[in-house]
Amino acid sequence: MVKIQEIPLNQIQRPLPRQNDPQKVKYLMESIAEIGQQEPIDVLEVDGRYYGFSGCHRYEACQRLGQETILAKVRKATPSVLKMHLA
């Protein structure tokens, strides 16, 4: 089951390093500042902890804007599902 909710940015772990396109982050910052975040990021919830694997540009844009929360699609998962995402 997936639910959409606001999650504190500082509670989302990003276990895989990503290279972000600075221009895309800048564009998203302008868009989010003007009309708000339109598309939630995808987050896995495993044992009460949040792990983000997609939406890295939106995540960075919200972080740079000083937002405390981000809109996320949260899917509960088991530790074994988390391991598959890390493989």
Protein backbone atom coordinates (compact mmCIF):
# COMPACT_ATOMS: atom_id res chain seq x y z
CA MET A 1 0.00 0.00 0.00
CA VAL A 2 1.32 3.43 -0.97
CA LYS A 3 0.41 6.64 0.82
CA ILE A 4 1.42 10.21 0.02
CA GLN A 5 2.60 12.30 2.95
CA GLU A 6 4.96 15.07 4.01
CA ILE A 7 8.16 13.68 5.52
CA PRO A 8 10.91 15.66 7.28
CA LEU A 9 13.91 15.88 4.93
CA ASN A 10 16.29 15.04 7.77
CA GLN A 11 14.54 11.68 8.30
CA ILE A 12 15.18 10.44 4.74
CA GLN A 13 18.35 8.48 4.19
CA ARG A 14 19.81 8.47 0.68
CA PRO A 15 22.03 5.38 0.63
CA LEU A 16 23.11 5.60 -3.01
CA PRO A 17 25.31 8.50 -4.16
CA ARG A 18 23.91 10.45 -7.11
CA GLN A 19 25.28 13.14 -9.37
CA ASN A 20 22.70 15.89 -9.80
CA ASP A 21 22.45 18.19 -12.79
CA PRO A 22 22.89 21.71 -11.30
CA GLN A 23 20.66 23.26 -13.99
CA LYS A 24 17.83 20.83 -13.26
CA VAL A 25 18.11 21.51 -9.52
CA LYS A 26 18.02 25.29 -10.18
CA TYR A 27 14.94 24.92 -12.41
CA LEU A 28 13.19 22.78 -9.79
CA MET A 29 14.05 25.27 -7.04
CA GLU A 30 12.40 28.06 -9.05
CA SER A 31 9.36 25.89 -9.81
CA ILE A 32 8.92 24.63 -6.24
CA ALA A 33 9.34 28.16 -4.84
CA GLU A 34 6.68 29.45 -7.25
CA ILE A 35 4.03 26.69 -7.35
CA GLY A 36 5.11 24.14 -4.75
CA GLN A 37 6.25 20.57 -5.19
CA GLN A 38 4.02 18.92 -7.80
CA GLU A 39 5.47 15.41 -7.96
CA PRO A 40 6.22 13.40 -4.80
CA ILE A 41 9.47 11.48 -4.45
CA ASP A 42 9.38 7.72 -3.84
CA VAL A 43 10.40 6.53 -0.39
CA LEU A 44 10.63 3.09 1.20
CA GLU A 45 9.72 2.81 4.88
CA VAL A 46 11.59 -0.02 6.55
CA ASP A 47 11.19 -0.52 10.31
CA GLY A 48 10.12 3.12 10.76
CA ARG A 49 13.04 4.55 8.75
CA TYR A 50 12.74 6.25 5.38
CA TYR A 51 15.00 5.52 2.40
CA GLY A 52 14.94 7.57 -0.79
CA PHE A 53 16.20 6.16 -4.09
CA SER A 54 14.54 8.44 -6.63
CA GLY A 55 13.68 12.13 -6.83
CA CYS A 56 17.25 13.18 -6.08
CA HIS A 57 16.86 16.51 -7.94
CA ARG A 58 13.60 17.33 -6.12
CA TYR A 59 15.18 16.30 -2.81
CA GLU A 60 18.18 18.59 -3.34
CA ALA A 61 15.96 21.46 -4.55
CA CYS A 62 13.78 21.26 -1.42
CA GLN A 63 16.88 21.02 0.75
CA ARG A 64 18.45 24.11 -0.85
CA LEU A 65 15.19 26.03 -0.46
CA GLY A 66 15.39 25.36 3.28
CA GLN A 67 12.20 23.33 3.36
CA GLU A 68 11.82 21.08 6.37
CA THR A 69 9.56 18.52 4.67
CA ILE A 70 9.11 16.95 1.25
CA LEU A 71 6.07 15.36 -0.37
CA ALA A 72 6.69 11.62 -0.71
CA LYS A 73 4.98 8.44 -1.88
CA VAL A 74 5.70 6.10 1.02
CA ARG A 75 5.72 2.35 0.52
CA LYS A 76 6.25 0.05 3.49
CA ALA A 77 8.89 -2.58 2.76
CA THR A 78 10.85 -5.34 4.47
CA PRO A 79 14.60 -5.28 5.10
CA SER A 80 15.02 -7.80 2.26
CA VAL A 81 13.32 -5.41 -0.21
CA LEU A 82 15.67 -2.66 0.99
CA LYS A 83 18.66 -4.95 0.32
CA MET A 84 17.46 -5.48 -3.26
CA HIS A 85 17.42 -1.69 -3.79
CA LEU A 86 20.97 -1.48 -2.47
CA ALA A 87 22.32 -4.27 -4.70
